Amino acid sequence: MTTETAGLIARLEQNIASVLLGKPDPIRLVVVALLAEGHVLIEDAPGVGKTSLAKAMARSLDCEFTRLQFTPDMLPSDILGSSLFLPNLGEFEFRKGPIFTNILLADEINRTSPRTQSALLEAMSERQVSIEGRTYPLAEPFFVLATQNPYEHEGTYPLPENQLDRFTVCTEIGYPDRETELRVLAAQRDGEQVAELKPALSIDQLKVLRTAVREVTVEDSINNYLLDLIEASRDHDELELGVSTRGGMVLYRSVQACALADGRTYAVPDDVKQLAIPVLAHRVVCRGLLREGQRARAKGVINQILENTPVPR
């Protein structure tokens, strides 16, 4: 079963890599979040491939995909849906919004107001939405891929801590090296490659992989190592807000997914070390820093905690 699951995951990663060239690490993190039943925030400069990565992931899965461009005038009902009165029937009918999909690309999520951002909280945490006293379950799988540009502040609203805590992974893509960028330019002769991608996984295959993730063994020594890191974040002098209990649970599941992606049925300390920064850094708040400097300093603090915490043998 391990060989079969590893082959499915490799096929998914290769499919995405055929569009996003030379970026195996961000691709692996997005796949890990998908397998861990979580969500991803891609934060980077414009034009480096954030939307391309999101679209490539969506097209690599044989499921429903919706792209939603977030704007300052967007309302919660534009995401969740609303009730319309039908005069001929004399009653209201609920019209589902774009959130009722399998993969939601929330493009430039920080361009909309906190009120509208909060419309995603219940959906991302509980896979359901509550509207006008009624609860509607979301499709399975439900996966949010959000993008934002951290360098542009005009007309943006920073994501609050409770929203950031819903994202399994926060990652960046970065500029490609010169050789890779030459390949990107050459690939443009045939048009946009994302539009030509074929699905690499079905929904049933994804469900099999997600079930396999839960069966990955995590020894007590790894659990204690994970908890040592989380407790250290709560006691660190430079952090005002440490990692939440949800953050620990998310790291645990992500470690299982990372092990499975590497073809193992058991977790190792390197899985925790590899995921600590992308899973934990966006969940902590540094003391005495403006929001612009938070993420870079948070990464440094988490890395410092990793260096100072004994690794299980």
C-alpha atoms as a PDB file:
ATOM      1  CA  MET A   1       0.000   0.000   0.000  1.00  0.00           C
ATOM      2  CA  THR A   2       2.901   2.349   0.774  1.00  0.00           C
ATOM      3  CA  THR A   3       4.326   1.983  -2.722  1.00  0.00           C
ATOM      4  CA  GLU A   4       0.913   2.615  -4.247  1.00  0.00           C
ATOM      5  CA  THR A   5       0.210   5.726  -2.145  1.00  0.00           C
ATOM      6  CA  ALA A   6       3.710   7.112  -2.732  1.00  0.00           C
ATOM      7  CA  GLY A   7       3.178   6.647  -6.466  1.00  0.00           C
ATOM      8  CA  LEU A   8      -0.116   8.546  -6.396  1.00  0.00           C
ATOM      9  CA  ILE A   9       1.436  11.414  -4.450  1.00  0.00           C
ATOM     10  CA  ALA A  10       4.463  11.536  -6.773  1.00  0.00           C
ATOM     11  CA  ARG A  11       2.153  11.645  -9.782  1.00  0.00           C
ATOM     12  CA  LEU A  12       0.247  14.577  -8.286  1.00  0.00           C
ATOM     13  CA  GLU A  13       3.458  16.488  -7.519  1.00  0.00           C
ATOM     14  CA  GLN A  14       4.877  15.829 -10.997  1.00  0.00           C
ATOM     15  CA  ASN A  15       1.680  17.074 -12.594  1.00  0.00           C
ATOM     16  CA  ILE A  16       1.891  20.367 -10.693  1.00  0.00           C
ATOM     17  CA  ALA A  17       5.654  20.621 -11.295  1.00  0.00           C
ATOM     18  CA  SER A  18       5.071  20.503 -15.051  1.00  0.00           C
ATOM     19  CA  VAL A  19       3.554  23.989 -14.703  1.00  0.00           C
ATOM     20  CA  LEU A  20       5.396  25.471 -11.698  1.00  0.00           C
ATOM     21  CA  LEU A  21       8.984  24.790 -12.721  1.00  0.00           C
ATOM     22  CA  GLY A  22      11.839  24.461 -10.242  1.00  0.00           C
ATOM     23  CA  LYS A  23       9.740  24.791  -7.068  1.00  0.00           C
ATOM     24  CA  PRO A  24       9.500  21.337  -5.447  1.00  0.00           C
ATOM     25  CA  ASP A  25       9.363  22.635  -1.855  1.00  0.00           C
ATOM     26  CA  PRO A  26       6.217  24.816  -2.181  1.00  0.00           C
ATOM     27  CA  ILE A  27       4.563  22.033  -4.183  1.00  0.00           C
ATOM     28  CA  ARG A  28       5.334  19.485  -1.447  1.00  0.00           C
ATOM     29  CA  LEU A  29       3.924  21.801   1.239  1.00  0.00           C
ATOM     30  CA  VAL A  30       0.673  22.329  -0.681  1.00  0.00           C
ATOM     31  CA  VAL A  31       0.315  18.570  -1.225  1.00  0.00           C
ATOM     32  CA  VAL A  32       1.020  17.887   2.466  1.00  0.00           C
ATOM     33  CA  ALA A  33      -1.707  20.359   3.469  1.00  0.00           C
ATOM     34  CA  LEU A  34      -4.137  18.721   1.037  1.00  0.00           C
ATOM     35  CA  LEU A  35      -3.415  15.256   2.445  1.00  0.00           C
ATOM     36  CA  ALA A  36      -3.676  16.575   6.008  1.00  0.00           C
ATOM     37  CA  GLU A  37      -7.193  17.886   5.236  1.00  0.00           C
ATOM     38  CA  GLY A  38      -6.062  21.472   5.756  1.00  0.00           C
ATOM     39  CA  HIS A  39      -5.764  24.743   3.833  1.00  0.00           C
ATOM     40  CA  VAL A  40      -2.891  26.800   2.378  1.00  0.00           C
ATOM     41  CA  LEU A  41      -1.954  30.479   2.363  1.00  0.00           C
ATOM     42  CA  ILE A  42       0.578  31.437  -0.327  1.00  0.00           C
ATOM     43  CA  GLU A  43       2.177  34.772   0.518  1.00  0.00           C
ATOM     44  CA  ASP A  44       4.620  36.321  -1.942  1.00  0.00           C
ATOM     45  CA  ALA A  45       5.321  39.122  -4.407  1.00  0.00           C
ATOM     46  CA  PRO A  46       3.151  39.526  -7.526  1.00  0.00           C
ATOM     47  CA  GLY A  47       3.965  37.458 -10.582  1.00  0.00           C
ATOM     48  CA  VAL A  48       5.986  34.636  -9.004  1.00  0.00           C
ATOM     49  CA  GLY A  49       3.391  31.913  -9.606  1.00  0.00           C
ATOM     50  CA  LYS A  50       0.993  31.984  -6.638  1.00  0.00           C
ATOM     51  CA  THR A  51      -2.138  31.717  -8.761  1.00  0.00           C
ATOM     52  CA  SER A  52      -0.459  29.283 -11.165  1.00  0.00           C
ATOM     53  CA  LEU A  53       0.318  26.932  -8.275  1.00  0.00           C
ATOM     54  CA  ALA A  54      -3.258  27.149  -7.009  1.00  0.00           C
ATOM     55  CA  LYS A  55      -4.749  26.544 -10.458  1.00  0.00           C
ATOM     56  CA  ALA A  56      -2.344  23.668 -11.159  1.00  0.00           C
ATOM     57  CA  MET A  57      -3.365  21.978  -7.908  1.00  0.00           C
ATOM     58  CA  ALA A  58      -7.038  22.431  -8.743  1.00  0.00           C
ATOM     59  CA  ARG A  59      -6.688  21.031 -12.265  1.00  0.00           C
ATOM     60  CA  SER A  60      -4.633  18.094 -10.998  1.00  0.00           C
ATOM     61  CA  LEU A  61      -7.627  16.845  -9.025  1.00  0.00           C
ATOM     62  CA  ASP A  62     -10.739  15.562 -10.731  1.00  0.00           C
ATOM     63  CA  CYS A  63     -13.125  17.713  -8.721  1.00  0.00           C
ATOM     64  CA  GLU A  64     -15.000  21.024  -8.739  1.00  0.00           C
ATOM     65  CA  PHE A  65     -12.900  24.193  -8.673  1.00  0.00           C
ATOM     66  CA  THR A  66     -13.979  27.792  -8.064  1.00  0.00           C
ATOM     67  CA  ARG A  67     -11.825  30.904  -8.244  1.00  0.00           C
ATOM     68  CA  LEU A  68     -12.985  33.886  -6.216  1.00  0.00           C
ATOM     69  CA  GLN A  69     -11.311  37.279  -6.634  1.00  0.00           C
ATOM     70  CA  PHE A  70     -11.516  39.073  -3.284  1.00  0.00           C
ATOM     71  CA  THR A  71     -12.255  42.817  -3.451  1.00  0.00           C
ATOM     72  CA  PRO A  72     -12.886  45.563  -0.850  1.00  0.00           C
ATOM     73  CA  ASP A  73     -16.618  45.745  -1.644  1.00  0.00           C
ATOM     74  CA  MET A  74     -17.228  41.996  -1.333  1.00  0.00           C
ATOM     75  CA  LEU A  75     -19.890  40.897   1.188  1.00  0.00           C
ATOM     76  CA  PRO A  76     -20.177  37.600   3.124  1.00  0.00           C
ATOM     77  CA  SER A  77     -23.197  36.691   1.002  1.00  0.00           C
ATOM     78  CA  ASP A  78     -20.975  36.899  -2.106  1.00  0.00           C
ATOM     79  CA  ILE A  79     -19.079  33.915  -0.676  1.00  0.00           C
ATOM     80  CA  LEU A  80     -21.707  31.949   1.235  1.00  0.00           C
ATOM     81  CA  GLY A  81     -24.819  32.622  -0.820  1.00  0.00           C
ATOM     82  CA  SER A  82     -28.169  34.191   0.090  1.00  0.00           C
ATOM     83  CA  SER A  83     -31.917  33.596   0.132  1.00  0.00           C
ATOM     84  CA  LEU A  84     -34.064  34.928  -2.701  1.00  0.00           C
ATOM     85  CA  PHE A  85     -37.818  35.444  -2.511  1.00  0.00           C
ATOM     86  CA  LEU A  86     -39.754  33.605  -5.218  1.00  0.00           C
ATOM     87  CA  PRO A  87     -43.025  35.524  -5.818  1.00  0.00           C
ATOM     88  CA  ASN A  88     -44.648  32.684  -7.753  1.00  0.00           C
ATOM     89  CA  LEU A  89     -44.133  30.268  -4.841  1.00  0.00           C
ATOM     90  CA  GLY A  90     -44.452  32.799  -2.045  1.00  0.00           C
ATOM     91  CA  GLU A  91     -41.343  31.501  -0.286  1.00  0.00           C
ATOM     92  CA  PHE A  92     -37.590  32.002   0.011  1.00  0.00           C
ATOM     93  CA  GLU A  93     -35.046  29.802  -1.749  1.00  0.00           C
ATOM     94  CA  PHE A  94     -31.397  29.549  -0.718  1.00  0.00           C
ATOM     95  CA  ARG A  95     -28.936  30.053  -3.572  1.00  0.00           C
ATOM     96  CA  LYS A  96     -25.543  28.567  -2.769  1.00  0.00           C
ATOM     97  CA  GLY A  97     -22.464  30.773  -3.105  1.00  0.00           C
ATOM     98  CA  PRO A  98     -19.047  29.901  -4.584  1.00  0.00           C
ATOM     99  CA  ILE A  99     -17.879  28.376  -1.290  1.00  0.00           C
ATOM    100  CA  PHE A 100     -19.886  25.257  -2.157  1.00  0.00           C
ATOM    101  CA  THR A 101     -17.090  23.641  -4.135  1.00  0.00           C
ATOM    102  CA  ASN A 102     -14.196  21.224  -3.628  1.00  0.00           C
ATOM    103  CA  ILE A 103     -11.270  23.591  -4.178  1.00  0.00           C
ATOM    104  CA  LEU A 104     -11.708  27.318  -3.546  1.00  0.00           C
ATOM    105  CA  LEU A 105      -9.003  29.670  -4.805  1.00  0.00           C
ATOM    106  CA  ALA A 106      -9.332  32.782  -2.644  1.00  0.00           C
ATOM    107  CA  ASP A 107      -7.235  35.158  -4.736  1.00  0.00           C
ATOM    108  CA  GLU A 108      -5.799  38.203  -2.890  1.00  0.00           C
ATOM    109  CA  ILE A 109      -7.710  37.295   0.253  1.00  0.00           C
ATOM    110  CA  ASN A 110      -6.386  40.305   2.169  1.00  0.00           C
ATOM    111  CA  ARG A 111      -8.131  42.740  -0.188  1.00  0.00           C
ATOM    112  CA  THR A 112     -11.517  42.176   1.438  1.00  0.00           C
ATOM    113  CA  SER A 113     -12.742  43.424   4.819  1.00  0.00           C
ATOM    114  CA  PRO A 114     -12.369  41.448   8.084  1.00  0.00           C
ATOM    115  CA  ARG A 115     -16.159  40.972   8.129  1.00  0.00           C
ATOM    116  CA  THR A 116     -16.034  39.160   4.794  1.00  0.00           C
ATOM    117  CA  GLN A 117     -12.857  37.259   5.693  1.00  0.00           C
ATOM    118  CA  SER A 118     -14.683  35.888   8.747  1.00  0.00           C
ATOM    119  CA  ALA A 119     -17.211  34.213   6.448  1.00  0.00           C
ATOM    120  CA  LEU A 120     -14.535  31.585   5.794  1.00  0.00           C
ATOM    121  CA  LEU A 121     -13.841  30.717   9.447  1.00  0.00           C
ATOM    122  CA  GLU A 122     -16.582  28.151  10.029  1.00  0.00           C
ATOM    123  CA  ALA A 123     -16.136  26.668   6.559  1.00  0.00           C
ATOM    124  CA  MET A 124     -12.390  26.143   6.971  1.00  0.00           C
ATOM    125  CA  SER A 125     -12.676  24.748  10.495  1.00  0.00           C
ATOM    126  CA  GLU A 126     -15.872  22.676  10.414  1.00  0.00           C
ATOM    127  CA  ARG A 127     -16.568  22.071   6.694  1.00  0.00           C
ATOM    128  CA  GLN A 128     -19.974  23.712   7.000  1.00  0.00           C
ATOM    129  CA  VAL A 129     -21.604  27.140   6.851  1.00  0.00           C
ATOM    130  CA  SER A 130     -24.441  28.554   8.957  1.00  0.00           C
ATOM    131  CA  ILE A 131     -26.792  30.959   7.204  1.00  0.00           C
ATOM    132  CA  GLU A 132     -30.021  32.417   8.573  1.00  0.00           C
ATOM    133  CA  GLY A 133     -30.273  29.789  11.291  1.00  0.00           C
ATOM    134  CA  ARG A 134     -29.608  26.811   9.031  1.00  0.00           C
ATOM    135  CA  THR A 135     -26.442  24.755   8.630  1.00  0.00           C
ATOM    136  CA  TYR A 136     -25.278  23.540   5.232  1.00  0.00           C
ATOM    137  CA  PRO A 137     -22.498  20.926   4.901  1.00  0.00           C
ATOM    138  CA  LEU A 138     -19.764  21.539   2.343  1.00  0.00           C
ATOM    139  CA  ALA A 139     -18.534  19.118  -0.272  1.00  0.00           C
ATOM    140  CA  GLU A 140     -15.849  16.571   0.536  1.00  0.00           C
ATOM    141  CA  PRO A 141     -13.023  17.295  -0.024  1.00  0.00           C
ATOM    142  CA  PHE A 142     -13.084  21.036   0.756  1.00  0.00           C
ATOM    143  CA  PHE A 143      -9.742  22.769   0.308  1.00  0.00           C
ATOM    144  CA  VAL A 144      -8.983  26.509   0.432  1.00  0.00           C
ATOM    145  CA  LEU A 145      -5.961  27.872  -1.414  1.00  0.00           C
ATOM    146  CA  ALA A 146      -5.564  31.550  -0.589  1.00  0.00           C
ATOM    147  CA  THR A 147      -3.045  34.016  -2.000  1.00  0.00           C
ATOM    148  CA  GLN A 148      -1.936  37.411  -0.785  1.00  0.00           C
ATOM    149  CA  ASN A 149       0.738  39.985  -1.583  1.00  0.00           C
ATOM    150  CA  PRO A 150       2.566  41.058   1.613  1.00  0.00           C
ATOM    151  CA  TYR A 151       4.284  44.039  -0.014  1.00  0.00           C
ATOM    152  CA  GLU A 152       1.190  45.948  -1.082  1.00  0.00           C
ATOM    153  CA  HIS A 153      -0.634  47.773   1.723  1.00  0.00           C
ATOM    154  CA  GLU A 154      -2.951  50.131  -0.149  1.00  0.00           C
ATOM    155  CA  GLY A 155      -6.496  48.780   0.035  1.00  0.00           C
ATOM    156  CA  THR A 156      -5.610  45.652   2.006  1.00  0.00           C
ATOM    157  CA  TYR A 157      -6.767  44.277   5.360  1.00  0.00           C
ATOM    158  CA  PRO A 158      -4.273  42.121   7.304  1.00  0.00           C
ATOM    159  CA  LEU A 159      -5.604  38.674   8.164  1.00  0.00           C
ATOM    160  CA  PRO A 160      -6.481  38.411  11.881  1.00  0.00           C
ATOM    161  CA  GLU A 161      -4.840  35.761  14.053  1.00  0.00           C
ATOM    162  CA  ASN A 162      -7.933  33.536  14.199  1.00  0.00           C
ATOM    163  CA  GLN A 163      -8.064  33.485  10.389  1.00  0.00           C
ATOM    164  CA  LEU A 164      -4.352  32.692  10.058  1.00  0.00           C
ATOM    165  CA  ASP A 165      -4.749  29.842  12.549  1.00  0.00           C
ATOM    166  CA  ARG A 166      -7.130  28.106  10.115  1.00  0.00           C
ATOM    167  CA  PHE A 167      -4.406  27.724   7.501  1.00  0.00           C
ATOM    168  CA  THR A 168      -2.398  24.528   7.821  1.00  0.00           C
ATOM    169  CA  VAL A 169       0.572  25.939   5.916  1.00  0.00           C
ATOM    170  CA  CYS A 170       1.775  29.430   5.038  1.00  0.00           C
ATOM    171  CA  THR A 171       4.420  29.352   2.342  1.00  0.00           C
ATOM    172  CA  GLU A 172       6.072  31.468  -0.315  1.00  0.00           C
ATOM    173  CA  ILE A 173       7.360  30.645  -3.788  1.00  0.00           C
ATOM    174  CA  GLY A 174      10.215  33.046  -4.452  1.00  0.00           C
ATOM    175  CA  TYR A 175      11.899  33.986  -7.722  1.00  0.00           C
ATOM    176  CA  PRO A 176      13.222  31.148  -9.918  1.00  0.00           C
ATOM    177  CA  ASP A 177      16.891  30.798 -10.780  1.00  0.00           C
ATOM    178  CA  ARG A 178      18.062  31.925 -14.225  1.00  0.00           C
ATOM    179  CA  GLU A 179      18.029  28.457 -15.809  1.00  0.00           C
ATOM    180  CA  THR A 180      14.473  27.793 -14.617  1.00  0.00           C
ATOM    181  CA  GLU A 181      13.311  31.206 -15.790  1.00  0.00           C
ATOM    182  CA  LEU A 182      14.675  30.452 -19.276  1.00  0.00           C
ATOM    183  CA  ARG A 183      12.557  27.283 -19.284  1.00  0.00           C
ATOM    184  CA  VAL A 184       9.537  29.322 -18.195  1.00  0.00           C
ATOM    185  CA  LEU A 185      10.038  31.752 -21.085  1.00  0.00           C
ATOM    186  CA  ALA A 186      10.440  28.903 -23.561  1.00  0.00           C
ATOM    187  CA  ALA A 187       7.245  27.255 -22.308  1.00  0.00           C
ATOM    188  CA  GLN A 188       5.220  30.390 -23.103  1.00  0.00           C
ATOM    189  CA  ARG A 189       5.504  29.728 -26.862  1.00  0.00           C
ATOM    190  CA  ASP A 190       2.723  27.149 -26.576  1.00  0.00           C
ATOM    191  CA  GLY A 191       0.430  29.299 -24.415  1.00  0.00           C
ATOM    192  CA  GLU A 192      -0.646  28.807 -20.804  1.00  0.00           C
ATOM    193  CA  GLN A 193       0.274  25.318 -19.645  1.00  0.00           C
ATOM    194  CA  VAL A 194      -2.170  25.247 -16.734  1.00  0.00           C
ATOM    195  CA  ALA A 195      -5.131  25.118 -19.102  1.00  0.00           C
ATOM    196  CA  GLU A 196      -3.777  21.906 -20.629  1.00  0.00           C
ATOM    197  CA  LEU A 197      -3.280  19.995 -17.373  1.00  0.00           C
ATOM    198  CA  LYS A 198      -5.163  16.740 -16.959  1.00  0.00           C
ATOM    199  CA  PRO A 199      -6.322  15.400 -13.559  1.00  0.00           C
ATOM    200  CA  ALA A 200      -3.734  13.234 -11.817  1.00  0.00           C
ATOM    201  CA  LEU A 201      -5.979  12.074  -8.955  1.00  0.00           C
ATOM    202  CA  SER A 202      -9.659  11.308  -8.557  1.00  0.00           C
ATOM    203  CA  ILE A 203     -11.650  12.215  -5.450  1.00  0.00           C
ATOM    204  CA  ASP A 204     -11.772   8.540  -4.455  1.00  0.00           C
ATOM    205  CA  GLN A 205      -7.984   8.272  -4.702  1.00  0.00           C
ATOM    206  CA  LEU A 206      -7.592  11.415  -2.586  1.00  0.00           C
ATOM    207  CA  LYS A 207      -9.876   9.887   0.063  1.00  0.00           C
ATOM    208  CA  VAL A 208      -7.713   6.755   0.087  1.00  0.00           C
ATOM    209  CA  LEU A 209      -4.596   8.872   0.613  1.00  0.00           C
ATOM    210  CA  ARG A 210      -6.210  10.860   3.420  1.00  0.00           C
ATOM    211  CA  THR A 211      -7.195   7.629   5.155  1.00  0.00           C
ATOM    212  CA  ALA A 212      -3.620   6.352   4.770  1.00  0.00           C
ATOM    213  CA  VAL A 213      -2.300   9.566   6.378  1.00  0.00           C
ATOM    214  CA  ARG A 214      -4.224   8.810   9.571  1.00  0.00           C
ATOM    215  CA  GLU A 215      -2.652   5.360   9.728  1.00  0.00           C
ATOM    216  CA  VAL A 216       0.933   6.672   9.784  1.00  0.00           C
ATOM    217  CA  THR A 217       2.586   5.791  13.092  1.00  0.00           C
ATOM    218  CA  VAL A 218       3.822   8.648  15.303  1.00  0.00           C
ATOM    219  CA  GLU A 219       5.850   7.380  18.260  1.00  0.00           C
ATOM    220  CA  ASP A 220       5.539   8.976  21.693  1.00  0.00           C
ATOM    221  CA  SER A 221       9.062  10.380  21.381  1.00  0.00           C
ATOM    222  CA  ILE A 222       7.964  12.331  18.269  1.00  0.00           C
ATOM    223  CA  ASN A 223       4.795  13.503  20.036  1.00  0.00           C
ATOM    224  CA  ASN A 224       6.832  14.763  22.988  1.00  0.00           C
ATOM    225  CA  TYR A 225       9.277  16.496  20.642  1.00  0.00           C
ATOM    226  CA  LEU A 226       6.357  18.202  18.909  1.00  0.00           C
ATOM    227  CA  LEU A 227       4.875  19.316  22.243  1.00  0.00           C
ATOM    228  CA  ASP A 228       8.278  20.572  23.429  1.00  0.00           C
ATOM    229  CA  LEU A 229       8.383  22.916  20.431  1.00  0.00           C
ATOM    230  CA  ILE A 230       4.857  24.179  21.064  1.00  0.00           C
ATOM    231  CA  GLU A 231       5.438  24.759  24.788  1.00  0.00           C
ATOM    232  CA  ALA A 232       8.678  26.583  23.996  1.00  0.00           C
ATOM    233  CA  SER A 233       6.750  28.978  21.744  1.00  0.00           C
ATOM    234  CA  ARG A 234       4.357  29.795  24.599  1.00  0.00           C
ATOM    235  CA  ASP A 235       7.198  30.532  27.018  1.00  0.00           C
ATOM    236  CA  HIS A 236       9.475  32.396  24.601  1.00  0.00           C
ATOM    237  CA  ASP A 237      10.347  35.948  25.684  1.00  0.00           C
ATOM    238  CA  GLU A 238      10.017  37.332  22.160  1.00  0.00           C
ATOM    239  CA  LEU A 239       6.542  35.931  21.528  1.00  0.00           C
ATOM    240  CA  GLU A 240       3.364  37.521  22.769  1.00  0.00           C
ATOM    241  CA  LEU A 241       1.200  34.702  21.419  1.00  0.00           C
ATOM    242  CA  GLY A 242       2.452  31.121  21.141  1.00  0.00           C
ATOM    243  CA  VAL A 243       1.180  28.181  19.113  1.00  0.00           C
ATOM    244  CA  SER A 244      -2.426  27.192  19.808  1.00  0.00           C
ATOM    245  CA  THR A 245      -3.691  23.693  20.542  1.00  0.00           C
ATOM    246  CA  ARG A 246      -5.114  23.676  17.016  1.00  0.00           C
ATOM    247  CA  GLY A 247      -1.609  24.428  15.759  1.00  0.00           C
ATOM    248  CA  GLY A 248      -0.263  21.356  17.542  1.00  0.00           C
ATOM    249  CA  MET A 249      -2.986  19.147  16.089  1.00  0.00           C
ATOM    250  CA  VAL A 250      -2.331  20.520  12.604  1.00  0.00           C
ATOM    251  CA  LEU A 251       1.420  19.926  12.929  1.00  0.00           C
ATOM    252  CA  TYR A 252       0.759  16.337  14.046  1.00  0.00           C
ATOM    253  CA  ARG A 253      -1.443  15.588  11.021  1.00  0.00           C
ATOM    254  CA  SER A 254       0.985  17.369   8.666  1.00  0.00           C
ATOM    255  CA  VAL A 255       3.865  15.266   9.988  1.00  0.00           C
ATOM    256  CA  GLN A 256       1.846  12.145   9.156  1.00  0.00           C
ATOM    257  CA  ALA A 257       1.165  13.471   5.649  1.00  0.00           C
ATOM    258  CA  CYS A 258       4.838  14.336   5.117  1.00  0.00           C
ATOM    259  CA  ALA A 259       5.886  10.825   6.127  1.00  0.00           C
ATOM    260  CA  LEU A 260       3.394   9.282   3.700  1.00  0.00           C
ATOM    261  CA  ALA A 261       4.590  11.567   0.887  1.00  0.00           C
ATOM    262  CA  ASP A 262       8.106  10.260   1.519  1.00  0.00           C
ATOM    263  CA  GLY A 263       6.859   6.669   1.239  1.00  0.00           C
ATOM    264  CA  ARG A 264       7.003   5.838   4.964  1.00  0.00           C
ATOM    265  CA  THR A 265       4.394   4.435   7.361  1.00  0.00           C
ATOM    266  CA  TYR A 266       6.058   6.102  10.341  1.00  0.00           C
ATOM    267  CA  ALA A 267       7.114   9.652  11.234  1.00  0.00           C
ATOM    268  CA  VAL A 268      10.670  10.757  12.048  1.00  0.00           C
ATOM    269  CA  PRO A 269      11.998  13.907  13.779  1.00  0.00           C
ATOM    270  CA  ASP A 270      13.022  15.402  10.427  1.00  0.00           C
ATOM    271  CA  ASP A 271       9.334  15.524   9.443  1.00  0.00           C
ATOM    272  CA  VAL A 272       8.683  17.816  12.404  1.00  0.00           C
ATOM    273  CA  LYS A 273      11.752  19.959  11.695  1.00  0.00           C
ATOM    274  CA  GLN A 274      10.852  20.299   8.009  1.00  0.00           C
ATOM    275  CA  LEU A 275       7.309  21.480   8.767  1.00  0.00           C
ATOM    276  CA  ALA A 276       7.797  23.547  11.936  1.00  0.00           C
ATOM    277  CA  ILE A 277       8.298  26.920  10.212  1.00  0.00           C
ATOM    278  CA  PRO A 278       5.632  26.662   7.445  1.00  0.00           C
ATOM    279  CA  VAL A 279       3.060  25.256   9.894  1.00  0.00           C
ATOM    280  CA  LEU A 280       3.831  27.268  13.046  1.00  0.00           C
ATOM    281  CA  ALA A 281       5.417  30.640  12.115  1.00  0.00           C
ATOM    282  CA  HIS A 282       2.172  32.270  10.943  1.00  0.00           C
ATOM    283  CA  ARG A 283       0.409  31.266  14.177  1.00  0.00           C
ATOM    284  CA  VAL A 284       2.619  33.200  16.602  1.00  0.00           C
ATOM    285  CA  VAL A 285       2.773  36.929  17.367  1.00  0.00           C
ATOM    286  CA  CYS A 286       6.075  38.656  18.176  1.00  0.00           C
ATOM    287  CA  ARG A 287       6.318  41.311  20.869  1.00  0.00           C
ATOM    288  CA  GLY A 288       6.822  44.966  19.951  1.00  0.00           C
ATOM    289  CA  LEU A 289       6.865  44.537  16.168  1.00  0.00           C
ATOM    290  CA  LEU A 290       4.706  46.080  13.499  1.00  0.00           C
ATOM    291  CA  ARG A 291       2.755  43.599  11.413  1.00  0.00           C
ATOM    292  CA  GLU A 292       5.131  44.080   8.456  1.00  0.00           C
ATOM    293  CA  GLY A 293       8.040  42.576  10.390  1.00  0.00           C
ATOM    294  CA  GLN A 294       6.102  39.836  12.139  1.00  0.00           C
ATOM    295  CA  ARG A 295       6.492  36.950   9.737  1.00  0.00           C
ATOM    296  CA  ALA A 296      10.236  37.230   9.206  1.00  0.00           C
ATOM    297  CA  ARG A 297      10.907  37.514  12.945  1.00  0.00           C
ATOM    298  CA  ALA A 298       8.496  34.672  13.721  1.00  0.00           C
ATOM    299  CA  LYS A 299      10.406  32.380  11.363  1.00  0.00           C
ATOM    300  CA  GLY A 300      13.621  33.285  13.158  1.00  0.00           C
ATOM    301  CA  VAL A 301      12.103  32.539  16.567  1.00  0.00           C
ATOM    302  CA  ILE A 302      10.706  29.156  15.474  1.00  0.00           C
ATOM    303  CA  ASN A 303      14.089  28.285  13.981  1.00  0.00           C
ATOM    304  CA  GLN A 304      15.740  29.287  17.272  1.00  0.00           C
ATOM    305  CA  ILE A 305      13.326  27.041  19.174  1.00  0.00           C
ATOM    306  CA  LEU A 306      14.181  24.162  16.819  1.00  0.00           C
ATOM    307  CA  GLU A 307      17.894  24.635  17.474  1.00  0.00           C
ATOM    308  CA  ASN A 308      17.418  24.720  21.259  1.00  0.00           C
ATOM    309  CA  THR A 309      15.036  21.775  21.582  1.00  0.00           C
ATOM    310  CA  PRO A 310      16.622  18.323  21.951  1.00  0.00           C
ATOM    311  CA  VAL A 311      15.807  15.977  19.067  1.00  0.00           C
ATOM    312  CA  PRO A 312      14.638  12.448  20.006  1.00  0.00           C
ATOM    313  CA  ARG A 313      16.995   9.636  19.080  1.00  0.00           C
END
